Amino acid sequence: MLVESNEAELREVLNGLTYPADKVHVVSCAGVHDFETPVRRRLHELPERTYASSDEVMAALSPQKAEGADEHRA
């Protein structure tokens, strides 16, 4: 789960990206903006696809998605 301060910073950066953006482009923003390791790790876990907006990226990072994935494995 993203810490609230990290989430706000990440959303600000993601809002500055040009969309559509693929996973590589989104992940590269973490290196450029020197995000902490947990944020980088979460971005690397994003599904390999093209994102239409920062909202799509944030939705893919949401805890509900992660919990849903765990439920499907059980």
PDB file of N, CA and C in Angstrom:
ATOM      1  N   MET A   1       0.843  -1.173   0.000  1.00  0.00           N
ATOM      2  CA  MET A   1       0.000   0.000   0.000  1.00  0.00           C
ATOM      3  C   MET A   1       0.895   1.246   0.000  1.00  0.00           C
ATOM      4  N   LEU A   2       0.481   2.274  -0.737  1.00  0.00           N
ATOM      5  CA  LEU A   2       1.234   3.506  -0.770  1.00  0.00           C
ATOM      6  C   LEU A   2       0.914   4.345   0.456  1.00  0.00           C
ATOM      7  N   VAL A   3       1.939   4.922   1.070  1.00  0.00           N
ATOM      8  CA  VAL A   3       1.734   5.838   2.175  1.00  0.00           C
ATOM      9  C   VAL A   3       1.110   7.102   1.593  1.00  0.00           C
ATOM     10  N   GLU A   4       0.229   7.748   2.359  1.00  0.00           N
ATOM     11  CA  GLU A   4      -0.535   8.883   1.845  1.00  0.00           C
ATOM     12  C   GLU A   4       0.343   9.967   1.234  1.00  0.00           C
ATOM     13  N   SER A   5       1.459  10.337   1.872  1.00  0.00           N
ATOM     14  CA  SER A   5       2.331  11.380   1.329  1.00  0.00           C
ATOM     15  C   SER A   5       2.964  10.933   0.021  1.00  0.00           C
ATOM     16  N   ASN A   6       3.359   9.650  -0.047  1.00  0.00           N
ATOM     17  CA  ASN A   6       3.918   9.121  -1.297  1.00  0.00           C
ATOM     18  C   ASN A   6       2.862   9.109  -2.385  1.00  0.00           C
ATOM     19  N   GLU A   7       1.633   8.771  -2.025  1.00  0.00           N
ATOM     20  CA  GLU A   7       0.554   8.719  -2.999  1.00  0.00           C
ATOM     21  C   GLU A   7       0.294  10.097  -3.592  1.00  0.00           C
ATOM     22  N   ALA A   8       0.275  11.126  -2.757  1.00  0.00           N
ATOM     23  CA  ALA A   8       0.041  12.488  -3.242  1.00  0.00           C
ATOM     24  C   ALA A   8       1.163  12.923  -4.187  1.00  0.00           C
ATOM     25  N   GLU A   9       2.403  12.629  -3.814  1.00  0.00           N
ATOM     26  CA  GLU A   9       3.547  12.985  -4.649  1.00  0.00           C
ATOM     27  C   GLU A   9       3.507  12.212  -5.965  1.00  0.00           C
ATOM     28  N   LEU A  10       3.209  10.930  -5.885  1.00  0.00           N
ATOM     29  CA  LEU A  10       3.135  10.103  -7.081  1.00  0.00           C
ATOM     30  C   LEU A  10       2.037  10.607  -8.014  1.00  0.00           C
ATOM     31  N   ARG A  11       0.871  10.919  -7.457  1.00  0.00           N
ATOM     32  CA  ARG A  11      -0.232  11.413  -8.291  1.00  0.00           C
ATOM     33  C   ARG A  11       0.162  12.713  -8.996  1.00  0.00           C
ATOM     34  N   GLU A  12       0.863  13.594  -8.299  1.00  0.00           N
ATOM     35  CA  GLU A  12       1.303  14.856  -8.895  1.00  0.00           C
ATOM     36  C   GLU A  12       2.223  14.595 -10.085  1.00  0.00           C
ATOM     37  N   VAL A  13       3.161  13.678  -9.902  1.00  0.00           N
ATOM     38  CA  VAL A  13       4.091  13.342 -10.987  1.00  0.00           C
ATOM     39  C   VAL A  13       3.349  12.675 -12.137  1.00  0.00           C
ATOM     40  N   LEU A  14       2.472  11.716 -11.817  1.00  0.00           N
ATOM     41  CA  LEU A  14       1.730  11.009 -12.862  1.00  0.00           C
ATOM     42  C   LEU A  14       0.843  11.971 -13.654  1.00  0.00           C
ATOM     43  N   ASN A  15       0.299  12.977 -12.990  1.00  0.00           N
ATOM     44  CA  ASN A  15      -0.521  13.969 -13.685  1.00  0.00           C
ATOM     45  C   ASN A  15       0.296  14.762 -14.697  1.00  0.00           C
ATOM     46  N   GLY A  16       1.607  14.824 -14.497  1.00  0.00           N
ATOM     47  CA  GLY A  16       2.478  15.553 -15.417  1.00  0.00           C
ATOM     48  C   GLY A  16       2.935  14.739 -16.615  1.00  0.00           C
ATOM     49  N   LEU A  17       2.683  13.428 -16.608  1.00  0.00           N
ATOM     50  CA  LEU A  17       3.074  12.586 -17.741  1.00  0.00           C
ATOM     51  C   LEU A  17       2.139  12.804 -18.917  1.00  0.00           C
ATOM     52  N   THR A  18       2.623  12.502 -20.104  1.00  0.00           N
ATOM     53  CA  THR A  18       1.791  12.542 -21.296  1.00  0.00           C
ATOM     54  C   THR A  18       1.167  11.172 -21.487  1.00  0.00           C
ATOM     55  N   TYR A  19      -0.146  11.143 -21.646  1.00  0.00           N
ATOM     56  CA  TYR A  19      -0.878   9.890 -21.834  1.00  0.00           C
ATOM     57  C   TYR A  19      -1.431   9.830 -23.236  1.00  0.00           C
ATOM     58  N   PRO A  20      -1.597   8.632 -23.794  1.00  0.00           N
ATOM     59  CA  PRO A  20      -1.353   7.334 -23.162  1.00  0.00           C
ATOM     60  C   PRO A  20       0.137   7.105 -22.886  1.00  0.00           C
ATOM     61  N   ALA A  21       0.401   6.333 -21.823  1.00  0.00           N
ATOM     62  CA  ALA A  21       1.771   6.012 -21.418  1.00  0.00           C
ATOM     63  C   ALA A  21       1.852   4.533 -21.087  1.00  0.00           C
ATOM     64  N   ASP A  22       2.919   3.890 -21.565  1.00  0.00           N
ATOM     65  CA  ASP A  22       3.085   2.478 -21.246  1.00  0.00           C
ATOM     66  C   ASP A  22       3.775   2.331 -19.888  1.00  0.00           C
ATOM     67  N   LYS A  23       3.845   1.098 -19.420  1.00  0.00           N
ATOM     68  CA  LYS A  23       4.421   0.813 -18.106  1.00  0.00           C
ATOM     69  C   LYS A  23       5.850   1.342 -17.999  1.00  0.00           C
ATOM     70  N   VAL A  24       6.647   1.177 -19.039  1.00  0.00           N
ATOM     71  CA  VAL A  24       8.047   1.626 -19.001  1.00  0.00           C
ATOM     72  C   VAL A  24       8.105   3.132 -18.737  1.00  0.00           C
ATOM     73  N   HIS A  25       7.258   3.882 -19.399  1.00  0.00           N
ATOM     74  CA  HIS A  25       7.218   5.333 -19.227  1.00  0.00           C
ATOM     75  C   HIS A  25       6.808   5.689 -17.797  1.00  0.00           C
ATOM     76  N   VAL A  26       5.809   5.001 -17.272  1.00  0.00           N
ATOM     77  CA  VAL A  26       5.326   5.264 -15.917  1.00  0.00           C
ATOM     78  C   VAL A  26       6.410   4.917 -14.892  1.00  0.00           C
ATOM     79  N   VAL A  27       7.044   3.760 -15.047  1.00  0.00           N
ATOM     80  CA  VAL A  27       8.080   3.326 -14.113  1.00  0.00           C
ATOM     81  C   VAL A  27       9.276   4.277 -14.159  1.00  0.00           C
ATOM     82  N   SER A  28       9.605   4.775 -15.335  1.00  0.00           N
ATOM     83  CA  SER A  28      10.753   5.670 -15.451  1.00  0.00           C
ATOM     84  C   SER A  28      10.562   6.948 -14.644  1.00  0.00           C
ATOM     85  N   CYS A  29       9.317   7.359 -14.430  1.00  0.00           N
ATOM     86  CA  CYS A  29       9.078   8.568 -13.636  1.00  0.00           C
ATOM     87  C   CYS A  29       9.565   8.381 -12.206  1.00  0.00           C
ATOM     88  N   ALA A  30       9.541   7.172 -11.692  1.00  0.00           N
ATOM     89  CA  ALA A  30      10.000   6.910 -10.326  1.00  0.00           C
ATOM     90  C   ALA A  30      11.490   7.175 -10.187  1.00  0.00           C
ATOM     91  N   GLY A  31      12.259   6.790 -11.188  1.00  0.00           N
ATOM     92  CA  GLY A  31      13.695   7.031 -11.159  1.00  0.00           C
ATOM     93  C   GLY A  31      14.027   8.501 -11.316  1.00  0.00           C
ATOM     94  N   VAL A  32      13.330   9.147 -12.214  1.00  0.00           N
ATOM     95  CA  VAL A  32      13.577  10.563 -12.474  1.00  0.00           C
ATOM     96  C   VAL A  32      13.243  11.407 -11.245  1.00  0.00           C
ATOM     97  N   HIS A  33      12.187  11.034 -10.545  1.00  0.00           N
ATOM     98  CA  HIS A  33      11.738  11.824  -9.404  1.00  0.00           C
ATOM     99  C   HIS A  33      12.212  11.263  -8.067  1.00  0.00           C
ATOM    100  N   ASP A  34      13.095  10.263  -8.116  1.00  0.00           N
ATOM    101  CA  ASP A  34      13.749   9.722  -6.926  1.00  0.00           C
ATOM    102  C   ASP A  34      12.763   9.284  -5.841  1.00  0.00           C
ATOM    103  N   PHE A  35      11.745   8.518  -6.249  1.00  0.00           N
ATOM    104  CA  PHE A  35      10.797   7.989  -5.278  1.00  0.00           C
ATOM    105  C   PHE A  35      11.477   6.956  -4.401  1.00  0.00           C
ATOM    106  N   GLU A  36      10.928   6.776  -3.195  1.00  0.00           N
ATOM    107  CA  GLU A  36      11.447   5.773  -2.274  1.00  0.00           C
ATOM    108  C   GLU A  36      11.246   4.378  -2.855  1.00  0.00           C
ATOM    109  N   THR A  37      12.016   3.429  -2.370  1.00  0.00           N
ATOM    110  CA  THR A  37      11.987   2.058  -2.872  1.00  0.00           C
ATOM    111  C   THR A  37      10.602   1.426  -2.880  1.00  0.00           C
ATOM    112  N   PRO A  38       9.770   1.569  -1.829  1.00  0.00           N
ATOM    113  CA  PRO A  38       8.445   0.939  -1.874  1.00  0.00           C
ATOM    114  C   PRO A  38       7.583   1.438  -3.042  1.00  0.00           C
ATOM    115  N   VAL A  39       7.678   2.721  -3.362  1.00  0.00           N
ATOM    116  CA  VAL A  39       6.917   3.270  -4.485  1.00  0.00           C
ATOM    117  C   VAL A  39       7.441   2.691  -5.798  1.00  0.00           C
ATOM    118  N   ARG A  40       8.737   2.643  -5.941  1.00  0.00           N
ATOM    119  CA  ARG A  40       9.338   2.056  -7.160  1.00  0.00           C
ATOM    120  C   ARG A  40       8.920   0.598  -7.318  1.00  0.00           C
ATOM    121  N   ARG A  41       8.941  -0.133  -6.217  1.00  0.00           N
ATOM    122  CA  ARG A  41       8.568  -1.549  -6.257  1.00  0.00           C
ATOM    123  C   ARG A  41       7.127  -1.706  -6.738  1.00  0.00           C
ATOM    124  N   ARG A  42       6.221  -0.887  -6.201  1.00  0.00           N
ATOM    125  CA  ARG A  42       4.814  -0.949  -6.621  1.00  0.00           C
ATOM    126  C   ARG A  42       4.668  -0.624  -8.101  1.00  0.00           C
ATOM    127  N   LEU A  43       5.407   0.378  -8.583  1.00  0.00           N
ATOM    128  CA  LEU A  43       5.321   0.731 -10.003  1.00  0.00           C
ATOM    129  C   LEU A  43       5.838  -0.410 -10.881  1.00  0.00           C
ATOM    130  N   HIS A  44       6.880  -1.089 -10.438  1.00  0.00           N
ATOM    131  CA  HIS A  44       7.400  -2.232 -11.205  1.00  0.00           C
ATOM    132  C   HIS A  44       6.402  -3.384 -11.245  1.00  0.00           C
ATOM    133  N   GLU A  45       5.491  -3.431 -10.276  1.00  0.00           N
ATOM    134  CA  GLU A  45       4.471  -4.484 -10.237  1.00  0.00           C
ATOM    135  C   GLU A  45       3.250  -4.165 -11.099  1.00  0.00           C
ATOM    136  N   LEU A  46       3.214  -2.978 -11.698  1.00  0.00           N
ATOM    137  CA  LEU A  46       2.092  -2.625 -12.569  1.00  0.00           C
ATOM    138  C   LEU A  46       1.956  -3.637 -13.698  1.00  0.00           C
ATOM    139  N   PRO A  47       0.733  -3.917 -14.111  1.00  0.00           N
ATOM    140  CA  PRO A  47       0.539  -4.773 -15.285  1.00  0.00           C
ATOM    141  C   PRO A  47       1.168  -4.124 -16.521  1.00  0.00           C
ATOM    142  N   GLU A  48       1.718  -4.946 -17.378  1.00  0.00           N
ATOM    143  CA  GLU A  48       2.363  -4.489 -18.614  1.00  0.00           C
ATOM    144  C   GLU A  48       1.280  -4.105 -19.611  1.00  0.00           C
ATOM    145  N   ARG A  49       0.982  -2.807 -19.690  1.00  0.00           N
ATOM    146  CA  ARG A  49      -0.021  -2.317 -20.632  1.00  0.00           C
ATOM    147  C   ARG A  49       0.126  -0.817 -20.800  1.00  0.00           C
ATOM    148  N   THR A  50      -0.722  -0.229 -21.608  1.00  0.00           N
ATOM    149  CA  THR A  50      -0.735   1.213 -21.804  1.00  0.00           C
ATOM    150  C   THR A  50      -1.834   1.814 -20.938  1.00  0.00           C
ATOM    151  N   TYR A  51      -1.504   2.890 -20.248  1.00  0.00           N
ATOM    152  CA  TYR A  51      -2.432   3.567 -19.356  1.00  0.00           C
ATOM    153  C   TYR A  51      -2.908   4.862 -20.007  1.00  0.00           C
ATOM    154  N   ALA A  52      -4.220   5.109 -19.937  1.00  0.00           N
ATOM    155  CA  ALA A  52      -4.820   6.275 -20.576  1.00  0.00           C
ATOM    156  C   ALA A  52      -4.746   7.526 -19.704  1.00  0.00           C
ATOM    157  N   SER A  53      -4.537   7.342 -18.390  1.00  0.00           N
ATOM    158  CA  SER A  53      -4.532   8.493 -17.488  1.00  0.00           C
ATOM    159  C   SER A  53      -3.843   8.129 -16.170  1.00  0.00           C
ATOM    160  N   SER A  54      -3.565   9.153 -15.382  1.00  0.00           N
ATOM    161  CA  SER A  54      -2.994   8.909 -14.057  1.00  0.00           C
ATOM    162  C   SER A  54      -3.984   8.149 -13.175  1.00  0.00           C
ATOM    163  N   ASP A  55      -5.270   8.378 -13.397  1.00  0.00           N
ATOM    164  CA  ASP A  55      -6.282   7.642 -12.624  1.00  0.00           C
ATOM    165  C   ASP A  55      -6.201   6.142 -12.878  1.00  0.00           C
ATOM    166  N   GLU A  56      -5.923   5.753 -14.120  1.00  0.00           N
ATOM    167  CA  GLU A  56      -5.772   4.322 -14.431  1.00  0.00           C
ATOM    168  C   GLU A  56      -4.563   3.731 -13.721  1.00  0.00           C
ATOM    169  N   VAL A  57      -3.467   4.490 -13.676  1.00  0.00           N
ATOM    170  CA  VAL A  57      -2.267   4.012 -12.986  1.00  0.00           C
ATOM    171  C   VAL A  57      -2.566   3.857 -11.498  1.00  0.00           C
ATOM    172  N   MET A  58      -3.178   4.873 -10.905  1.00  0.00           N
ATOM    173  CA  MET A  58      -3.487   4.810  -9.477  1.00  0.00           C
ATOM    174  C   MET A  58      -4.459   3.675  -9.172  1.00  0.00           C
ATOM    175  N   ALA A  59      -5.413   3.431 -10.052  1.00  0.00           N
ATOM    176  CA  ALA A  59      -6.353   2.326  -9.850  1.00  0.00           C
ATOM    177  C   ALA A  59      -5.611   0.991  -9.879  1.00  0.00           C
ATOM    178  N   ALA A  60      -4.630   0.860 -10.772  1.00  0.00           N
ATOM    179  CA  ALA A  60      -3.856  -0.381 -10.858  1.00  0.00           C
ATOM    180  C   ALA A  60      -3.001  -0.584  -9.605  1.00  0.00           C
ATOM    181  N   LEU A  61      -2.660   0.505  -8.928  1.00  0.00           N
ATOM    182  CA  LEU A  61      -1.857   0.437  -7.701  1.00  0.00           C
ATOM    183  C   LEU A  61      -2.700   0.315  -6.442  1.00  0.00           C
ATOM    184  N   SER A  62      -4.012   0.423  -6.582  1.00  0.00           N
ATOM    185  CA  SER A  62      -4.886   0.482  -5.409  1.00  0.00           C
ATOM    186  C   SER A  62      -4.836  -0.799  -4.589  1.00  0.00           C
ATOM    187  N   PRO A  63      -4.983  -0.667  -3.261  1.00  0.00           N
ATOM    188  CA  PRO A  63      -4.967  -1.843  -2.380  1.00  0.00           C
ATOM    189  C   PRO A  63      -6.092  -2.821  -2.705  1.00  0.00           C
ATOM    190  N   GLN A  64      -7.235  -2.328  -3.165  1.00  0.00           N
ATOM    191  CA  GLN A  64      -8.345  -3.218  -3.490  1.00  0.00           C
ATOM    192  C   GLN A  64      -7.946  -4.182  -4.601  1.00  0.00           C
ATOM    193  N   LYS A  65      -7.198  -3.715  -5.596  1.00  0.00           N
ATOM    194  CA  LYS A  65      -6.737  -4.593  -6.674  1.00  0.00           C
ATOM    195  C   LYS A  65      -5.820  -5.671  -6.110  1.00  0.00           C
ATOM    196  N   ALA A  66      -4.897  -5.257  -5.248  1.00  0.00           N
ATOM    197  CA  ALA A  66      -3.959  -6.222  -4.670  1.00  0.00           C
ATOM    198  C   ALA A  66      -4.685  -7.250  -3.832  1.00  0.00           C
ATOM    199  N   GLU A  67      -5.663  -6.795  -3.038  1.00  0.00           N
ATOM    200  CA  GLU A  67      -6.428  -7.736  -2.215  1.00  0.00           C
ATOM    201  C   GLU A  67      -7.238  -8.670  -3.086  1.00  0.00           C
ATOM    202  N   GLY A  68      -7.818  -8.155  -4.166  1.00  0.00           N
ATOM    203  CA  GLY A  68      -8.597  -8.985  -5.088  1.00  0.00           C
ATOM    204  C   GLY A  68      -7.740 -10.043  -5.728  1.00  0.00           C
ATOM    205  N   ALA A  69      -6.493  -9.694  -6.060  1.00  0.00           N
ATOM    206  CA  ALA A  69      -5.588 -10.665  -6.666  1.00  0.00           C
ATOM    207  C   ALA A  69      -5.279 -11.787  -5.666  1.00  0.00           C
ATOM    208  N   ASP A  70      -5.134 -11.412  -4.392  1.00  0.00           N
ATOM    209  CA  ASP A  70      -4.867 -12.419  -3.365  1.00  0.00           C
ATOM    210  C   ASP A  70      -6.052 -13.358  -3.206  1.00  0.00           C
ATOM    211  N   GLU A  71      -7.272 -12.834  -3.297  1.00  0.00           N
ATOM    212  CA  GLU A  71      -8.451 -13.659  -3.149  1.00  0.00           C
ATOM    213  C   GLU A  71      -8.555 -14.691  -4.270  1.00  0.00           C
ATOM    214  N   HIS A  72      -8.134 -14.310  -5.482  1.00  0.00           N
ATOM    215  CA  HIS A  72      -8.216 -15.235  -6.614  1.00  0.00           C
ATOM    216  C   HIS A  72      -7.207 -16.366  -6.477  1.00  0.00           C
ATOM    217  N   ARG A  73      -6.104 -16.128  -5.751  1.00  0.00           N
ATOM    218  CA  ARG A  73      -5.104 -17.161  -5.583  1.00  0.00           C
ATOM    219  C   ARG A  73      -5.517 -18.185  -4.537  1.00  0.00           C
ATOM    220  N   ALA A  74      -6.382 -17.788  -3.614  1.00  0.00           N
ATOM    221  CA  ALA A  74      -6.757 -18.681  -2.502  1.00  0.00           C
ATOM    222  C   ALA A  74      -7.617 -19.829  -2.954  1.00  0.00           C
TER     223      ALA A  74
END
